[in-house]
PDB file of N, CA and C in Angstrom:
ATOM      1  N   MET A   1     -26.073  -4.016 -18.143  1.00  0.00           N
ATOM      2  CA  MET A   1     -26.931  -3.481 -17.113  1.00  0.00           C
ATOM      3  C   MET A   1     -26.991  -1.974 -17.295  1.00  0.00           C
ATOM      4  N   THR A   2     -28.146  -1.430 -17.210  1.00  0.00           N
ATOM      5  CA  THR A   2     -28.340   0.007 -17.414  1.00  0.00           C
ATOM      6  C   THR A   2     -28.686   0.672 -16.093  1.00  0.00           C
ATOM      7  N   ASP A   3     -28.712   1.998 -16.151  1.00  0.00           N
ATOM      8  CA  ASP A   3     -29.082   2.762 -14.958  1.00  0.00           C
ATOM      9  C   ASP A   3     -30.544   2.555 -14.577  1.00  0.00           C
ATOM     10  N   THR A   4     -31.351   2.092 -15.554  1.00  0.00           N
ATOM     11  CA  THR A   4     -32.766   1.890 -15.277  1.00  0.00           C
ATOM     12  C   THR A   4     -33.047   0.496 -14.739  1.00  0.00           C
ATOM     13  N   ASP A   5     -32.012  -0.291 -14.513  1.00  0.00           N
ATOM     14  CA  ASP A   5     -32.190  -1.636 -13.965  1.00  0.00           C
ATOM     15  C   ASP A   5     -32.833  -1.526 -12.589  1.00  0.00           C
ATOM     16  N   PRO A   6     -33.934  -2.235 -12.347  1.00  0.00           N
ATOM     17  CA  PRO A   6     -34.651  -2.088 -11.075  1.00  0.00           C
ATOM     18  C   PRO A   6     -33.915  -2.667  -9.872  1.00  0.00           C
ATOM     19  N   GLN A   7     -32.861  -3.457 -10.105  1.00  0.00           N
ATOM     20  CA  GLN A   7     -32.166  -4.049  -8.960  1.00  0.00           C
ATOM     21  C   GLN A   7     -31.403  -2.979  -8.177  1.00  0.00           C
ATOM     22  N   LYS A   8     -31.362  -3.159  -6.883  1.00  0.00           N
ATOM     23  CA  LYS A   8     -30.606  -2.257  -6.026  1.00  0.00           C
ATOM     24  C   LYS A   8     -29.118  -2.633  -6.105  1.00  0.00           C
ATOM     25  N   PRO A   9     -28.209  -1.679  -5.828  1.00  0.00           N
ATOM     26  CA  PRO A   9     -26.775  -1.987  -5.919  1.00  0.00           C
ATOM     27  C   PRO A   9     -26.351  -3.167  -5.065  1.00  0.00           C
ATOM     28  N   HIS A  10     -26.898  -3.302  -3.849  1.00  0.00           N
ATOM     29  CA  HIS A  10     -26.482  -4.420  -3.002  1.00  0.00           C
ATOM     30  C   HIS A  10     -26.959  -5.757  -3.570  1.00  0.00           C
ATOM     31  N   GLU A  11     -28.037  -5.759  -4.330  1.00  0.00           N
ATOM     32  CA  GLU A  11     -28.501  -6.992  -4.965  1.00  0.00           C
ATOM     33  C   GLU A  11     -27.591  -7.366  -6.132  1.00  0.00           C
ATOM     34  N   ARG A  12     -27.114  -6.371  -6.866  1.00  0.00           N
ATOM     35  CA  ARG A  12     -26.189  -6.653  -7.960  1.00  0.00           C
ATOM     36  C   ARG A  12     -24.881  -7.188  -7.402  1.00  0.00           C
ATOM     37  N   ALA A  13     -24.407  -6.642  -6.281  1.00  0.00           N
ATOM     38  CA  ALA A  13     -23.150  -7.077  -5.698  1.00  0.00           C
ATOM     39  C   ALA A  13     -23.253  -8.491  -5.138  1.00  0.00           C
ATOM     40  N   ALA A  14     -24.442  -8.933  -4.809  1.00  0.00           N
ATOM     41  CA  ALA A  14     -24.609 -10.252  -4.213  1.00  0.00           C
ATOM     42  C   ALA A  14     -24.499 -11.371  -5.242  1.00  0.00           C
ATOM     43  N   ARG A  15     -24.280 -11.066  -6.484  1.00  0.00           N
ATOM     44  CA  ARG A  15     -24.182 -12.084  -7.525  1.00  0.00           C
ATOM     45  C   ARG A  15     -22.824 -12.770  -7.591  1.00  0.00           C
ATOM     46  N   HIS A  16     -21.863 -12.368  -6.812  1.00  0.00           N
ATOM     47  CA  HIS A  16     -20.552 -12.995  -6.871  1.00  0.00           C
ATOM     48  C   HIS A  16     -20.587 -14.386  -6.230  1.00  0.00           C
ATOM     49  N   ASP A  17     -19.530 -15.118  -6.439  1.00  0.00           N
ATOM     50  CA  ASP A  17     -19.429 -16.473  -5.909  1.00  0.00           C
ATOM     51  C   ASP A  17     -19.391 -16.430  -4.376  1.00  0.00           C
ATOM     52  N   PRO A  18     -20.176 -17.256  -3.707  1.00  0.00           N
ATOM     53  CA  PRO A  18     -20.201 -17.269  -2.229  1.00  0.00           C
ATOM     54  C   PRO A  18     -18.857 -17.626  -1.591  1.00  0.00           C
ATOM     55  N   ILE A  19     -17.974 -18.228  -2.357  1.00  0.00           N
ATOM     56  CA  ILE A  19     -16.657 -18.576  -1.799  1.00  0.00           C
ATOM     57  C   ILE A  19     -15.929 -17.325  -1.309  1.00  0.00           C
ATOM     58  N   TYR A  20     -16.177 -16.187  -1.957  1.00  0.00           N
ATOM     59  CA  TYR A  20     -15.525 -14.950  -1.542  1.00  0.00           C
ATOM     60  C   TYR A  20     -16.035 -14.479  -0.179  1.00  0.00           C
ATOM     61  N   ASP A  21     -17.303 -14.709   0.089  1.00  0.00           N
ATOM     62  CA  ASP A  21     -17.834 -14.375   1.414  1.00  0.00           C
ATOM     63  C   ASP A  21     -17.183 -15.247   2.478  1.00  0.00           C
ATOM     64  N   THR A  22     -17.006 -16.523   2.162  1.00  0.00           N
ATOM     65  CA  THR A  22     -16.367 -17.451   3.094  1.00  0.00           C
ATOM     66  C   THR A  22     -14.929 -17.020   3.380  1.00  0.00           C
ATOM     67  N   LEU A  23     -14.177 -16.728   2.315  1.00  0.00           N
ATOM     68  CA  LEU A  23     -12.779 -16.329   2.485  1.00  0.00           C
ATOM     69  C   LEU A  23     -12.674 -14.984   3.216  1.00  0.00           C
ATOM     70  N   HIS A  24     -13.612 -14.101   2.956  1.00  0.00           N
ATOM     71  CA  HIS A  24     -13.598 -12.783   3.587  1.00  0.00           C
ATOM     72  C   HIS A  24     -13.738 -12.887   5.109  1.00  0.00           C
ATOM     73  N   GLN A  25     -14.382 -13.920   5.587  1.00  0.00           N
ATOM     74  CA  GLN A  25     -14.586 -14.091   7.020  1.00  0.00           C
ATOM     75  C   GLN A  25     -13.486 -14.905   7.694  1.00  0.00           C
ATOM     76  N   GLU A  26     -12.570 -15.447   6.903  1.00  0.00           N
ATOM     77  CA  GLU A  26     -11.492 -16.260   7.471  1.00  0.00           C
ATOM     78  C   GLU A  26     -10.555 -15.394   8.324  1.00  0.00           C
ATOM     79  N   PRO A  27     -10.066 -15.943   9.433  1.00  0.00           N
ATOM     80  CA  PRO A  27      -9.105 -15.201  10.268  1.00  0.00           C
ATOM     81  C   PRO A  27      -7.846 -14.796   9.502  1.00  0.00           C
ATOM     82  N   ASP A  28      -7.397 -15.643   8.566  1.00  0.00           N
ATOM     83  CA  ASP A  28      -6.216 -15.297   7.772  1.00  0.00           C
ATOM     84  C   ASP A  28      -6.471 -14.061   6.915  1.00  0.00           C
ATOM     85  N   PHE A  29      -7.676 -13.941   6.360  1.00  0.00           N
ATOM     86  CA  PHE A  29      -8.005 -12.775   5.538  1.00  0.00           C
ATOM     87  C   PHE A  29      -8.065 -11.511   6.396  1.00  0.00           C
ATOM     88  N   VAL A  30      -8.689 -11.633   7.558  1.00  0.00           N
ATOM     89  CA  VAL A  30      -8.772 -10.494   8.473  1.00  0.00           C
ATOM     90  C   VAL A  30      -7.365 -10.055   8.878  1.00  0.00           C
ATOM     91  N   GLU A  31      -6.499 -11.011   9.186  1.00  0.00           N
ATOM     92  CA  GLU A  31      -5.119 -10.706   9.567  1.00  0.00           C
ATOM     93  C   GLU A  31      -4.340 -10.123   8.387  1.00  0.00           C
ATOM     94  N   LEU A  32      -4.581 -10.637   7.191  1.00  0.00           N
ATOM     95  CA  LEU A  32      -3.918 -10.116   5.994  1.00  0.00           C
ATOM     96  C   LEU A  32      -4.253  -8.642   5.795  1.00  0.00           C
ATOM     97  N   ARG A  33      -5.518  -8.302   5.892  1.00  0.00           N
ATOM     98  CA  ARG A  33      -5.925  -6.904   5.734  1.00  0.00           C
ATOM     99  C   ARG A  33      -5.350  -6.035   6.843  1.00  0.00           C
ATOM    100  N   ARG A  34      -5.361  -6.538   8.078  1.00  0.00           N
ATOM    101  CA  ARG A  34      -4.824  -5.773   9.198  1.00  0.00           C
ATOM    102  C   ARG A  34      -3.323  -5.530   9.017  1.00  0.00           C
ATOM    103  N   ALA A  35      -2.590  -6.584   8.664  1.00  0.00           N
ATOM    104  CA  ALA A  35      -1.145  -6.472   8.495  1.00  0.00           C
ATOM    105  C   ALA A  35      -0.790  -5.541   7.328  1.00  0.00           C
ATOM    106  N   TYR A  36      -1.552  -5.629   6.236  1.00  0.00           N
ATOM    107  CA  TYR A  36      -1.317  -4.757   5.085  1.00  0.00           C
ATOM    108  C   TYR A  36      -1.528  -3.298   5.479  1.00  0.00           C
ATOM    109  N   ARG A  37      -2.645  -3.031   6.122  1.00  0.00           N
ATOM    110  CA  ARG A  37      -2.953  -1.655   6.524  1.00  0.00           C
ATOM    111  C   ARG A  37      -1.975  -1.140   7.567  1.00  0.00           C
ATOM    112  N   ALA A  38      -1.528  -2.024   8.453  1.00  0.00           N
ATOM    113  CA  ALA A  38      -0.589  -1.614   9.505  1.00  0.00           C
ATOM    114  C   ALA A  38       0.727  -1.124   8.915  1.00  0.00           C
ATOM    115  N   PHE A  39       1.088  -1.616   7.740  1.00  0.00           N
ATOM    116  CA  PHE A  39       2.311  -1.140   7.089  1.00  0.00           C
ATOM    117  C   PHE A  39       2.026   0.025   6.155  1.00  0.00           C
ATOM    118  N   VAL A  40       1.043  -0.141   5.292  1.00  0.00           N
ATOM    119  CA  VAL A  40       0.829   0.803   4.196  1.00  0.00           C
ATOM    120  C   VAL A  40       0.403   2.187   4.682  1.00  0.00           C
ATOM    121  N   PHE A  41      -0.529   2.266   5.605  1.00  0.00           N
ATOM    122  CA  PHE A  41      -1.000   3.583   6.035  1.00  0.00           C
ATOM    123  C   PHE A  41       0.102   4.403   6.711  1.00  0.00           C
ATOM    124  N   PRO A  42       0.799   3.857   7.709  1.00  0.00           N
ATOM    125  CA  PRO A  42       1.879   4.658   8.317  1.00  0.00           C
ATOM    126  C   PRO A  42       3.006   4.985   7.329  1.00  0.00           C
ATOM    127  N   ALA A  43       3.357   4.026   6.477  1.00  0.00           N
ATOM    128  CA  ALA A  43       4.428   4.275   5.507  1.00  0.00           C
ATOM    129  C   ALA A  43       4.031   5.368   4.524  1.00  0.00           C
ATOM    130  N   THR A  44       2.791   5.357   4.086  1.00  0.00           N
ATOM    131  CA  THR A  44       2.317   6.381   3.155  1.00  0.00           C
ATOM    132  C   THR A  44       2.311   7.750   3.817  1.00  0.00           C
ATOM    133  N   ILE A  45       1.819   7.811   5.033  1.00  0.00           N
ATOM    134  CA  ILE A  45       1.793   9.087   5.757  1.00  0.00           C
ATOM    135  C   ILE A  45       3.210   9.607   5.978  1.00  0.00           C
ATOM    136  N   ALA A  46       4.123   8.722   6.373  1.00  0.00           N
ATOM    137  CA  ALA A  46       5.508   9.134   6.615  1.00  0.00           C
ATOM    138  C   ALA A  46       6.162   9.624   5.327  1.00  0.00           C
ATOM    139  N   PHE A  47       5.973   8.891   4.236  1.00  0.00           N
ATOM    140  CA  PHE A  47       6.609   9.295   2.982  1.00  0.00           C
ATOM    141  C   PHE A  47       6.029  10.603   2.457  1.00  0.00           C
ATOM    142  N   LEU A  48       4.707  10.741   2.493  1.00  0.00           N
ATOM    143  CA  LEU A  48       4.098  11.976   2.003  1.00  0.00           C
ATOM    144  C   LEU A  48       4.476  13.170   2.885  1.00  0.00           C
ATOM    145  N   SER A  49       4.624  12.942   4.188  1.00  0.00           N
ATOM    146  CA  SER A  49       5.073  14.013   5.082  1.00  0.00           C
ATOM    147  C   SER A  49       6.495  14.443   4.736  1.00  0.00           C
ATOM    148  N   TRP A  50       7.347  13.467   4.493  1.00  0.00           N
ATOM    149  CA  TRP A  50       8.737  13.734   4.124  1.00  0.00           C
ATOM    150  C   TRP A  50       8.789  14.501   2.803  1.00  0.00           C
ATOM    151  N   TYR A  51       7.984  14.095   1.823  1.00  0.00           N
ATOM    152  CA  TYR A  51       7.941  14.790   0.539  1.00  0.00           C
ATOM    153  C   TYR A  51       7.390  16.206   0.709  1.00  0.00           C
ATOM    154  N   LEU A  52       6.316  16.351   1.495  1.00  0.00           N
ATOM    155  CA  LEU A  52       5.736  17.667   1.723  1.00  0.00           C
ATOM    156  C   LEU A  52       6.736  18.587   2.423  1.00  0.00           C
ATOM    157  N   LEU A  53       7.508  18.047   3.356  1.00  0.00           N
ATOM    158  CA  LEU A  53       8.554  18.830   4.008  1.00  0.00           C
ATOM    159  C   LEU A  53       9.528  19.380   2.978  1.00  0.00           C
ATOM    160  N   TYR A  54       9.930  18.537   2.033  1.00  0.00           N
ATOM    161  CA  TYR A  54      10.843  18.947   0.959  1.00  0.00           C
ATOM    162  C   TYR A  54      10.239  20.077   0.128  1.00  0.00           C
ATOM    163  N   VAL A  55       8.964  19.947  -0.237  1.00  0.00           N
ATOM    164  CA  VAL A  55       8.298  20.970  -1.038  1.00  0.00           C
ATOM    165  C   VAL A  55       8.166  22.271  -0.243  1.00  0.00           C
ATOM    166  N   VAL A  56       7.721  22.172   1.002  1.00  0.00           N
ATOM    167  CA  VAL A  56       7.550  23.361   1.839  1.00  0.00           C
ATOM    168  C   VAL A  56       8.883  24.063   2.052  1.00  0.00           C
ATOM    169  N   MET A  57       9.902  23.292   2.370  1.00  0.00           N
ATOM    170  CA  MET A  57      11.225  23.884   2.593  1.00  0.00           C
ATOM    171  C   MET A  57      11.760  24.533   1.312  1.00  0.00           C
ATOM    172  N   SER A  58      11.496  23.911   0.182  1.00  0.00           N
ATOM    173  CA  SER A  58      11.955  24.483  -1.086  1.00  0.00           C
ATOM    174  C   SER A  58      11.261  25.807  -1.380  1.00  0.00           C
ATOM    175  N   ASN A  59      10.012  25.924  -0.985  1.00  0.00           N
ATOM    176  CA  ASN A  59       9.258  27.156  -1.244  1.00  0.00           C
ATOM    177  C   ASN A  59       9.525  28.256  -0.234  1.00  0.00           C
ATOM    178  N   TRP A  60       9.645  27.907   1.054  1.00  0.00           N
ATOM    179  CA  TRP A  60       9.668  28.934   2.089  1.00  0.00           C
ATOM    180  C   TRP A  60      10.936  28.982   2.936  1.00  0.00           C
ATOM    181  N   ALA A  61      11.886  28.121   2.670  1.00  0.00           N
ATOM    182  CA  ALA A  61      13.147  28.169   3.424  1.00  0.00           C
ATOM    183  C   ALA A  61      14.316  28.257   2.447  1.00  0.00           C
ATOM    184  N   HIS A  62      14.278  29.291   1.609  1.00  0.00           N
ATOM    185  CA  HIS A  62      15.295  29.443   0.559  1.00  0.00           C
ATOM    186  C   HIS A  62      16.712  29.510   1.122  1.00  0.00           C
ATOM    187  N   ASP A  63      16.886  30.257   2.188  1.00  0.00           N
ATOM    188  CA  ASP A  63      18.238  30.401   2.750  1.00  0.00           C
ATOM    189  C   ASP A  63      18.797  29.059   3.212  1.00  0.00           C
ATOM    190  N   PHE A  64      17.963  28.283   3.896  1.00  0.00           N
ATOM    191  CA  PHE A  64      18.417  26.972   4.370  1.00  0.00           C
ATOM    192  C   PHE A  64      18.662  26.021   3.198  1.00  0.00           C
ATOM    193  N   MET A  65      17.729  25.964   2.273  1.00  0.00           N
ATOM    194  CA  MET A  65      17.842  25.007   1.162  1.00  0.00           C
ATOM    195  C   MET A  65      18.975  25.367   0.201  1.00  0.00           C
ATOM    196  N   SER A  66      19.326  26.637   0.117  1.00  0.00           N
ATOM    197  CA  SER A  66      20.406  27.034  -0.795  1.00  0.00           C
ATOM    198  C   SER A  66      21.778  27.010  -0.128  1.00  0.00           C
ATOM    199  N   HIS A  67      21.824  26.610   1.144  1.00  0.00           N
ATOM    200  CA  HIS A  67      23.099  26.521   1.863  1.00  0.00           C
ATOM    201  C   HIS A  67      24.014  25.510   1.173  1.00  0.00           C
ATOM    202  N   GLN A  68      25.214  25.959   0.828  1.00  0.00           N
ATOM    203  CA  GLN A  68      26.193  25.102   0.139  1.00  0.00           C
ATOM    204  C   GLN A  68      26.826  24.124   1.126  1.00  0.00           C
ATOM    205  N   LEU A  69      26.803  22.834   0.774  1.00  0.00           N
ATOM    206  CA  LEU A  69      27.416  21.812   1.631  1.00  0.00           C
ATOM    207  C   LEU A  69      28.818  21.472   1.148  1.00  0.00           C
ATOM    208  N   TRP A  70      28.964  21.116  -0.132  1.00  0.00           N
ATOM    209  CA  TRP A  70      30.251  20.788  -0.746  1.00  0.00           C
ATOM    210  C   TRP A  70      30.240  21.332  -2.172  1.00  0.00           C
ATOM    211  N   GLY A  71      31.063  22.236  -2.468  1.00  0.00           N
ATOM    212  CA  GLY A  71      31.126  22.795  -3.822  1.00  0.00           C
ATOM    213  C   GLY A  71      29.773  23.336  -4.248  1.00  0.00           C
ATOM    214  N   ASN A  72      29.223  22.796  -5.352  1.00  0.00           N
ATOM    215  CA  ASN A  72      27.913  23.234  -5.843  1.00  0.00           C
ATOM    216  C   ASN A  72      26.760  22.404  -5.285  1.00  0.00           C
ATOM    217  N   ILE A  73      27.046  21.550  -4.337  1.00  0.00           N
ATOM    218  CA  ILE A  73      26.012  20.705  -3.729  1.00  0.00           C
ATOM    219  C   ILE A  73      25.384  21.466  -2.568  1.00  0.00           C
ATOM    220  N   ASN A  74      24.071  21.715  -2.666  1.00  0.00           N
ATOM    221  CA  ASN A  74      23.377  22.423  -1.590  1.00  0.00           C
ATOM    222  C   ASN A  74      22.380  21.498  -0.901  1.00  0.00           C
ATOM    223  N   VAL A  75      21.751  21.993   0.139  1.00  0.00           N
ATOM    224  CA  VAL A  75      20.812  21.203   0.935  1.00  0.00           C
ATOM    225  C   VAL A  75      19.635  20.742   0.075  1.00  0.00           C
ATOM    226  N   ALA A  76      19.137  21.598  -0.803  1.00  0.00           N
ATOM    227  CA  ALA A  76      17.991  21.243  -1.654  1.00  0.00           C
ATOM    228  C   ALA A  76      18.325  20.051  -2.550  1.00  0.00           C
ATOM    229  N   LEU A  77      19.509  20.025  -3.111  1.00  0.00           N
ATOM    230  CA  LEU A  77      19.899  18.902  -3.965  1.00  0.00           C
ATOM    231  C   LEU A  77      19.976  17.612  -3.151  1.00  0.00           C
ATOM    232  N   VAL A  78      20.530  17.687  -1.954  1.00  0.00           N
ATOM    233  CA  VAL A  78      20.617  16.503  -1.095  1.00  0.00           C
ATOM    234  C   VAL A  78      19.219  16.018  -0.717  1.00  0.00           C
ATOM    235  N   PHE A  79      18.330  16.942  -0.335  1.00  0.00           N
ATOM    236  CA  PHE A  79      16.947  16.554  -0.021  1.00  0.00           C
ATOM    237  C   PHE A  79      16.281  15.896  -1.228  1.00  0.00           C
ATOM    238  N   GLY A  80      16.480  16.472  -2.403  1.00  0.00           N
ATOM    239  CA  GLY A  80      15.882  15.907  -3.619  1.00  0.00           C
ATOM    240  C   GLY A  80      16.391  14.509  -3.905  1.00  0.00           C
ATOM    241  N   LEU A  81      17.686  14.300  -3.773  1.00  0.00           N
ATOM    242  CA  LEU A  81      18.247  12.964  -3.993  1.00  0.00           C
ATOM    243  C   LEU A  81      17.774  11.978  -2.921  1.00  0.00           C
ATOM    244  N   LEU A  82      17.600  12.479  -1.706  1.00  0.00           N
ATOM    245  CA  LEU A  82      17.106  11.607  -0.636  1.00  0.00           C
ATOM    246  C   LEU A  82      15.665  11.156  -0.886  1.00  0.00           C
ATOM    247  N   GLN A  83      14.910  11.910  -1.680  1.00  0.00           N
ATOM    248  CA  GLN A  83      13.562  11.465  -2.062  1.00  0.00           C
ATOM    249  C   GLN A  83      13.649  10.154  -2.847  1.00  0.00           C
ATOM    250  N   PHE A  84      14.610  10.066  -3.751  1.00  0.00           N
ATOM    251  CA  PHE A  84      14.806   8.827  -4.518  1.00  0.00           C
ATOM    252  C   PHE A  84      15.265   7.698  -3.605  1.00  0.00           C
ATOM    253  N   VAL A  85      16.206   7.992  -2.730  1.00  0.00           N
ATOM    254  CA  VAL A  85      16.701   6.979  -1.795  1.00  0.00           C
ATOM    255  C   VAL A  85      15.552   6.463  -0.924  1.00  0.00           C
ATOM    256  N   THR A  86      14.749   7.381  -0.429  1.00  0.00           N
ATOM    257  CA  THR A  86      13.612   7.001   0.410  1.00  0.00           C
ATOM    258  C   THR A  86      12.628   6.124  -0.349  1.00  0.00           C
ATOM    259  N   THR A  87      12.368   6.465  -1.605  1.00  0.00           N
ATOM    260  CA  THR A  87      11.445   5.670  -2.421  1.00  0.00           C
ATOM    261  C   THR A  87      11.935   4.242  -2.564  1.00  0.00           C
ATOM    262  N   PHE A  88      13.200   4.082  -2.927  1.00  0.00           N
ATOM    263  CA  PHE A  88      13.744   2.734  -3.102  1.00  0.00           C
ATOM    264  C   PHE A  88      13.845   1.991  -1.773  1.00  0.00           C
ATOM    265  N   LEU A  89      14.196   2.686  -0.716  1.00  0.00           N
ATOM    266  CA  LEU A  89      14.264   2.062   0.604  1.00  0.00           C
ATOM    267  C   LEU A  89      12.882   1.579   1.042  1.00  0.00           C
ATOM    268  N   LEU A  90      11.887   2.400   0.839  1.00  0.00           N
ATOM    269  CA  LEU A  90      10.525   2.029   1.209  1.00  0.00           C
ATOM    270  C   LEU A  90      10.046   0.820   0.399  1.00  0.00           C
ATOM    271  N   ALA A  91      10.365   0.793  -0.892  1.00  0.00           N
ATOM    272  CA  ALA A  91       9.992  -0.360  -1.724  1.00  0.00           C
ATOM    273  C   ALA A  91      10.688  -1.627  -1.231  1.00  0.00           C
ATOM    274  N   TRP A  92      11.944  -1.528  -0.857  1.00  0.00           N
ATOM    275  CA  TRP A  92      12.694  -2.690  -0.373  1.00  0.00           C
ATOM    276  C   TRP A  92      12.132  -3.176   0.971  1.00  0.00           C
ATOM    277  N   VAL A  93      11.838  -2.229   1.879  1.00  0.00           N
ATOM    278  CA  VAL A  93      11.285  -2.600   3.184  1.00  0.00           C
ATOM    279  C   VAL A  93       9.910  -3.246   3.004  1.00  0.00           C
ATOM    280  N   TYR A  94       9.083  -2.686   2.123  1.00  0.00           N
ATOM    281  CA  TYR A  94       7.765  -3.275   1.879  1.00  0.00           C
ATOM    282  C   TYR A  94       7.897  -4.677   1.288  1.00  0.00           C
ATOM    283  N   SER A  95       8.839  -4.867   0.391  1.00  0.00           N
ATOM    284  CA  SER A  95       9.047  -6.189  -0.204  1.00  0.00           C
ATOM    285  C   SER A  95       9.392  -7.219   0.865  1.00  0.00           C
ATOM    286  N   ARG A  96      10.277  -6.850   1.767  1.00  0.00           N
ATOM    287  CA  ARG A  96      10.644  -7.769   2.858  1.00  0.00           C
ATOM    288  C   ARG A  96       9.450  -8.016   3.782  1.00  0.00           C
ATOM    289  N   TYR A  97       8.729  -6.975   4.109  1.00  0.00           N
ATOM    290  CA  TYR A  97       7.557  -7.102   4.972  1.00  0.00           C
ATOM    291  C   TYR A  97       6.506  -7.990   4.318  1.00  0.00           C
ATOM    292  N   SER A  98       6.260  -7.744   3.054  1.00  0.00           N
ATOM    293  CA  SER A  98       5.265  -8.523   2.321  1.00  0.00           C
ATOM    294  C   SER A  98       5.666  -9.993   2.239  1.00  0.00           C
ATOM    295  N   THR A  99       6.908 -10.240   1.943  1.00  0.00           N
ATOM    296  CA  THR A  99       7.389 -11.620   1.841  1.00  0.00           C
ATOM    297  C   THR A  99       7.260 -12.350   3.173  1.00  0.00           C
ATOM    298  N   GLY A 100       7.575 -11.678   4.246  1.00  0.00           N
ATOM    299  CA  GLY A 100       7.551 -12.328   5.554  1.00  0.00           C
ATOM    300  C   GLY A 100       6.188 -12.396   6.218  1.00  0.00           C
ATOM    301  N   ARG A 101       5.347 -11.368   6.024  1.00  0.00           N
ATOM    302  CA  ARG A 101       4.080 -11.296   6.756  1.00  0.00           C
ATOM    303  C   ARG A 101       2.849 -11.514   5.889  1.00  0.00           C
ATOM    304  N   LEU A 102       2.830 -10.933   4.695  1.00  0.00           N
ATOM    305  CA  LEU A 102       1.622 -10.974   3.881  1.00  0.00           C
ATOM    306  C   LEU A 102       1.539 -12.205   2.980  1.00  0.00           C
ATOM    307  N   ASP A 103       2.641 -12.557   2.366  1.00  0.00           N
ATOM    308  CA  ASP A 103       2.615 -13.672   1.415  1.00  0.00           C
ATOM    309  C   ASP A 103       2.195 -15.005   2.038  1.00  0.00           C
ATOM    310  N   PRO A 104       2.665 -15.364   3.248  1.00  0.00           N
ATOM    311  CA  PRO A 104       2.199 -16.628   3.830  1.00  0.00           C
ATOM    312  C   PRO A 104       0.677 -16.651   4.043  1.00  0.00           C
ATOM    313  N   LEU A 105       0.119 -15.547   4.485  1.00  0.00           N
ATOM    314  CA  LEU A 105      -1.337 -15.473   4.670  1.00  0.00           C
ATOM    315  C   LEU A 105      -2.063 -15.586   3.339  1.00  0.00           C
ATOM    316  N   ALA A 106      -1.577 -14.862   2.350  1.00  0.00           N
ATOM    317  CA  ALA A 106      -2.204 -14.904   1.023  1.00  0.00           C
ATOM    318  C   ALA A 106      -2.086 -16.298   0.415  1.00  0.00           C
ATOM    319  N   ARG A 107      -0.959 -16.965   0.642  1.00  0.00           N
ATOM    320  CA  ARG A 107      -0.773 -18.320   0.117  1.00  0.00           C
ATOM    321  C   ARG A 107      -1.774 -19.293   0.735  1.00  0.00           C
ATOM    322  N   ARG A 108      -1.978 -19.193   2.049  1.00  0.00           N
ATOM    323  CA  ARG A 108      -2.954 -20.068   2.710  1.00  0.00           C
ATOM    324  C   ARG A 108      -4.368 -19.808   2.198  1.00  0.00           C
ATOM    325  N   LEU A 109      -4.723 -18.554   2.006  1.00  0.00           N
ATOM    326  CA  LEU A 109      -6.044 -18.226   1.475  1.00  0.00           C
ATOM    327  C   LEU A 109      -6.205 -18.739   0.047  1.00  0.00           C
ATOM    328  N   ASP A 110      -5.154 -18.639  -0.739  1.00  0.00           N
ATOM    329  CA  ASP A 110      -5.199 -19.143  -2.113  1.00  0.00           C
ATOM    330  C   ASP A 110      -5.366 -20.659  -2.122  1.00  0.00           C
ATOM    331  N   GLU A 111      -4.652 -21.340  -1.242  1.00  0.00           N
ATOM    332  CA  GLU A 111      -4.793 -22.797  -1.162  1.00  0.00           C
ATOM    333  C   GLU A 111      -6.208 -23.187  -0.741  1.00  0.00           C
ATOM    334  N   GLN A 112      -6.780 -22.451   0.182  1.00  0.00           N
ATOM    335  CA  GLN A 112      -8.146 -22.726   0.618  1.00  0.00           C
ATOM    336  C   GLN A 112      -9.128 -22.473  -0.524  1.00  0.00           C
ATOM    337  N   TYR A 113      -8.910 -21.409  -1.269  1.00  0.00           N
ATOM    338  CA  TYR A 113      -9.767 -21.077  -2.408  1.00  0.00           C
ATOM    339  C   TYR A 113      -9.720 -22.200  -3.443  1.00  0.00           C
ATOM    340  N   ILE A 114      -8.534 -22.651  -3.773  1.00  0.00           N
ATOM    341  CA  ILE A 114      -8.374 -23.722  -4.762  1.00  0.00           C
ATOM    342  C   ILE A 114      -9.013 -25.012  -4.256  1.00  0.00           C
ATOM    343  N   ALA A 115      -8.814 -25.318  -2.970  1.00  0.00           N
ATOM    344  CA  ALA A 115      -9.417 -26.529  -2.399  1.00  0.00           C
ATOM    345  C   ALA A 115     -10.943 -26.480  -2.467  1.00  0.00           C
ATOM    346  N   GLU A 116     -11.528 -25.313  -2.186  1.00  0.00           N
ATOM    347  CA  GLU A 116     -12.987 -25.200  -2.256  1.00  0.00           C
ATOM    348  C   GLU A 116     -13.469 -25.308  -3.688  1.00  0.00           C
ATOM    349  N   LEU A 117     -12.734 -24.765  -4.635  1.00  0.00           N
ATOM    350  CA  LEU A 117     -13.130 -24.885  -6.046  1.00  0.00           C
ATOM    351  C   LEU A 117     -13.064 -26.347  -6.490  1.00  0.00           C
ATOM    352  N   GLU A 118     -12.007 -27.044  -6.100  1.00  0.00           N
ATOM    353  CA  GLU A 118     -11.866 -28.454  -6.487  1.00  0.00           C
ATOM    354  C   GLU A 118     -12.910 -29.312  -5.789  1.00  0.00           C
ATOM    355  N   GLY A 119     -13.312 -28.915  -4.584  1.00  0.00           N
ATOM    356  CA  GLY A 119     -14.335 -29.651  -3.847  1.00  0.00           C
ATOM    357  C   GLY A 119     -15.705 -29.567  -4.524  1.00  0.00           C
ATOM    358  N   ARG A 120     -15.906 -28.589  -5.341  1.00  0.00           N
ATOM    359  CA  ARG A 120     -17.176 -28.433  -6.045  1.00  0.00           C
ATOM    360  C   ARG A 120     -17.289 -29.342  -7.262  1.00  0.00           C
ATOM    361  N   ARG A 121     -16.169 -29.808  -7.737  1.00  0.00           N
ATOM    362  CA  ARG A 121     -16.176 -30.613  -8.977  1.00  0.00           C
ATOM    363  C   ARG A 121     -16.627 -32.014  -8.724  1.00  0.00           C
TER     364      ARG A 121
END
């Protein structure tokens, strides 16, 4: 397809299998998207805020970040290591959330999709 194709973009998009329109309107799909967004958006904002705090503090709070806690361990090093801890913790929490809330919905939608495909044969 070229840029000179006379079809409008919405007409090109309408060429997909109608089963996707059916699944898109299912309550399970709507709930799946809602549940996914309910976790991902707040978690992303919280993590990026936490990371930005670390960057801002490293740039403009030198005295605080260079404060020695134990030997050569300072606040900046602890904050930096906590970034890794936070990343792994967030991945673990998302995995549990996904397994408990998202996967059952996705499984039901997949079963419905397969059933509709087999019904066409």
